[in-house]
Amino acid sequence: MKNTVIRALSAFLLYVPLYTFSSSNARADDWGCQVLLCLSNPGGATQYAECRPPIERLWSHLAKGRSFPICSGVGFTATKPRYEPYYCDAGFRLVTRSGDRRNEVACVSTEPKVVSSAVCSYRDDGGATGSWHFEDGKRVCKALVTQRPHVREQPRYVDVTIDGAGRQRVWF
């Protein structure tokens, strides 16, 4: 009788922590599903107030170097967090050049733009940075234009692909 009670009590004490542990995983799984649901919204992940807490928690979670949350039963993939602090305006591309002391980042126009005629005049080394073109019967100087890049408020991101919903970049 005594052995039966001890076995029953032992089994109870063994399975209660396992049950508690497995139910906490289910709550984490719910958060991952909330995140995916919010990310699949075409209007943006934080368009609705209900999505702001799980998405803000996601940003904090990823910023600490943790992995993307799990949502069982949904097909999705997520990249590791990446870092891209700069961006350019439309019509420009981001370039990195080696400078005297460090790498320099700049935005360069994707097509030549009209600039001052001084840019098309020859330099002492025999070259010119611009070239002459005819537009509307007038001769204009065109060259690739460089400008400073913009700095992102949230420079880290992950790319998430959700089956049936497409791909989305999440900045945090």
Protein backbone atom coordinates (compact mmCIF):
# COMPACT_ATOMS: atom_id res chain seq x y z
CA MET A 1 0.00 0.00 0.00
CA LYS A 2 2.78 2.35 0.99
CA ASN A 3 4.66 1.63 -2.30
CA THR A 4 1.54 2.32 -4.36
CA VAL A 5 1.06 5.72 -2.73
CA ILE A 6 4.74 6.61 -3.21
CA ARG A 7 4.60 5.56 -6.89
CA ALA A 8 1.43 7.57 -7.48
CA LEU A 9 2.88 10.61 -5.72
CA SER A 10 6.16 10.27 -7.66
CA ALA A 11 4.31 10.03 -10.96
CA PHE A 12 2.22 13.07 -10.05
CA LEU A 13 5.29 15.10 -9.06
CA LEU A 14 7.07 14.06 -12.28
CA TYR A 15 4.24 14.89 -14.69
CA VAL A 16 3.03 18.18 -13.18
CA PRO A 17 6.30 20.04 -14.01
CA LEU A 18 6.29 18.54 -17.52
CA TYR A 19 2.71 19.69 -18.07
CA THR A 20 3.53 23.16 -16.78
CA PHE A 21 6.61 23.36 -18.99
CA SER A 22 4.74 22.23 -22.10
CA SER A 23 1.92 24.74 -21.53
CA SER A 24 4.44 27.60 -21.38
CA ASN A 25 5.72 26.52 -24.80
CA ALA A 26 2.19 26.75 -26.14
CA ARG A 27 1.97 30.38 -25.01
CA ALA A 28 5.27 31.17 -26.76
CA ASP A 29 3.89 29.43 -29.85
CA ASP A 30 0.78 31.67 -29.72
CA TRP A 31 3.02 34.75 -29.73
CA GLY A 32 4.84 33.46 -32.84
CA CYS A 33 1.49 32.98 -34.59
CA GLN A 34 0.35 36.48 -33.58
CA VAL A 35 3.58 37.88 -35.04
CA LEU A 36 3.06 36.04 -38.35
CA LEU A 37 -0.56 37.15 -38.53
CA CYS A 38 0.45 40.78 -37.98
CA LEU A 39 3.33 40.56 -40.48
CA SER A 40 1.02 39.18 -43.17
CA ASN A 41 -1.14 42.33 -42.99
CA PRO A 42 -0.70 44.27 -46.29
CA GLY A 43 -1.25 47.55 -44.39
CA GLY A 44 1.81 47.00 -42.22
CA ALA A 45 2.61 44.96 -39.14
CA THR A 46 1.53 47.67 -36.66
CA GLN A 47 -1.51 49.05 -38.52
CA TYR A 48 -3.87 47.63 -35.88
CA ALA A 49 -3.49 48.33 -32.15
CA GLU A 50 -3.77 44.61 -31.35
CA CYS A 51 -0.60 43.95 -33.34
CA ARG A 52 1.60 46.58 -31.71
CA PRO A 53 2.48 44.65 -28.49
CA PRO A 54 3.52 41.38 -30.22
CA ILE A 55 5.47 43.24 -32.92
CA GLU A 56 7.23 45.52 -30.42
CA ARG A 57 8.09 42.41 -28.41
CA LEU A 58 9.45 40.87 -31.63
CA TRP A 59 11.71 43.89 -32.26
CA SER A 60 13.06 43.72 -28.72
CA HIS A 61 13.50 39.95 -28.97
CA LEU A 62 15.42 40.14 -32.27
CA ALA A 63 17.52 43.13 -31.13
CA LYS A 64 18.91 40.91 -28.36
CA GLY A 65 20.14 38.45 -31.00
CA ARG A 66 17.41 35.88 -30.41
CA SER A 67 15.80 33.81 -33.15
CA PHE A 68 12.47 34.44 -34.82
CA PRO A 69 9.53 33.02 -32.80
CA ILE A 70 7.93 29.74 -33.83
CA CYS A 71 4.37 29.16 -35.00
CA SER A 72 3.65 25.47 -35.52
CA GLY A 73 1.37 24.51 -38.38
CA VAL A 74 2.34 27.50 -40.54
CA GLY A 75 4.97 27.30 -43.25
CA PHE A 76 7.42 30.16 -42.96
CA THR A 77 11.11 30.93 -42.98
CA ALA A 78 13.05 33.81 -41.46
CA THR A 79 16.62 34.93 -42.06
CA LYS A 80 19.03 35.73 -39.27
CA PRO A 81 18.94 39.38 -38.19
CA ARG A 82 20.93 41.65 -40.51
CA TYR A 83 22.16 45.24 -40.28
CA GLU A 84 21.72 47.97 -42.90
CA PRO A 85 21.97 51.46 -41.35
CA TYR A 86 21.77 53.58 -44.54
CA TYR A 87 19.34 54.05 -47.42
CA CYS A 88 19.06 56.27 -50.50
CA ASP A 89 16.28 58.18 -52.22
CA ALA A 90 14.58 56.73 -55.30
CA GLY A 91 16.86 56.98 -58.35
CA PHE A 92 20.01 56.50 -56.25
CA ARG A 93 21.94 53.42 -55.15
CA LEU A 94 24.04 52.88 -52.05
CA VAL A 95 27.80 52.48 -52.62
CA THR A 96 30.72 51.93 -50.28
CA ARG A 97 34.14 53.32 -51.11
CA SER A 98 37.46 53.03 -49.34
CA GLY A 99 38.56 56.43 -48.09
CA ASP A 100 41.77 57.64 -46.47
CA ARG A 101 40.90 56.37 -43.01
CA ARG A 102 37.82 54.17 -43.39
CA ASN A 103 35.06 53.05 -45.71
CA GLU A 104 32.76 55.84 -46.87
CA VAL A 105 29.10 55.36 -47.74
CA ALA A 106 27.34 57.47 -50.38
CA CYS A 107 24.30 57.49 -52.65
CA VAL A 108 25.06 57.68 -56.39
CA SER A 109 22.39 58.42 -59.01
CA THR A 110 21.45 55.47 -61.19
CA GLU A 111 21.32 57.69 -64.30
CA PRO A 112 23.30 60.79 -65.24
CA LYS A 113 21.63 64.06 -64.20
CA VAL A 114 21.99 67.60 -65.53
CA VAL A 115 24.81 69.39 -63.65
CA SER A 116 26.90 72.55 -63.97
CA SER A 117 28.92 72.87 -67.19
CA ALA A 118 32.06 73.12 -65.03
CA VAL A 119 31.72 69.39 -64.32
CA CYS A 120 32.15 68.64 -68.04
CA SER A 121 35.30 70.74 -68.47
CA TYR A 122 38.58 68.87 -68.58
CA ARG A 123 40.69 68.56 -65.44
CA ASP A 124 44.48 68.82 -65.24
CA ASP A 125 44.79 65.03 -65.48
CA GLY A 126 42.99 65.11 -68.84
CA GLY A 127 39.69 63.59 -67.70
CA ALA A 128 36.22 64.95 -66.99
CA THR A 129 33.59 63.65 -64.61
CA GLY A 130 30.63 64.62 -66.79
CA SER A 131 29.75 64.41 -70.45
CA TRP A 132 27.91 66.63 -72.91
CA HIS A 133 24.46 65.60 -74.18
CA PHE A 134 21.81 67.20 -76.36
CA GLU A 135 18.34 67.59 -74.82
CA ASP A 136 15.56 69.55 -76.53
CA GLY A 137 18.08 71.04 -78.96
CA LYS A 138 20.34 72.32 -76.16
CA ARG A 139 23.73 71.10 -75.06
CA VAL A 140 23.75 70.09 -71.36
CA CYS A 141 26.34 68.61 -69.06
CA LYS A 142 25.32 65.34 -67.38
CA ALA A 143 27.07 63.34 -64.70
CA LEU A 144 26.33 60.84 -61.96
CA VAL A 145 25.42 62.79 -58.83
CA THR A 146 26.50 61.82 -55.32
CA GLN A 147 24.63 62.66 -52.12
CA ARG A 148 24.75 61.64 -48.47
CA PRO A 149 22.68 58.60 -47.47
CA HIS A 150 19.85 58.73 -44.94
CA VAL A 151 20.32 56.95 -41.59
CA ARG A 152 17.61 54.47 -40.58
CA GLU A 153 15.94 54.74 -37.19
CA GLN A 154 15.65 50.94 -37.13
CA PRO A 155 18.76 49.58 -38.92
CA ARG A 156 18.29 45.85 -38.23
CA TYR A 157 15.99 43.55 -40.19
CA VAL A 158 14.92 40.00 -40.94
CA ASP A 159 13.33 38.75 -44.13
CA VAL A 160 10.26 36.62 -43.42
CA THR A 161 8.64 34.41 -46.04
CA ILE A 162 5.14 33.17 -45.16
CA ASP A 163 3.62 30.47 -47.38
CA GLY A 164 0.67 31.94 -49.25
CA ALA A 165 1.32 35.52 -48.05
CA GLY A 166 4.67 36.33 -49.67
CA ARG A 167 7.89 37.84 -48.40
CA GLN A 168 8.33 40.81 -46.10
CA ARG A 169 11.30 42.65 -44.59
CA VAL A 170 10.78 43.47 -40.91
CA TRP A 171 12.85 46.42 -39.61
CA PHE A 172 13.59 46.74 -35.92
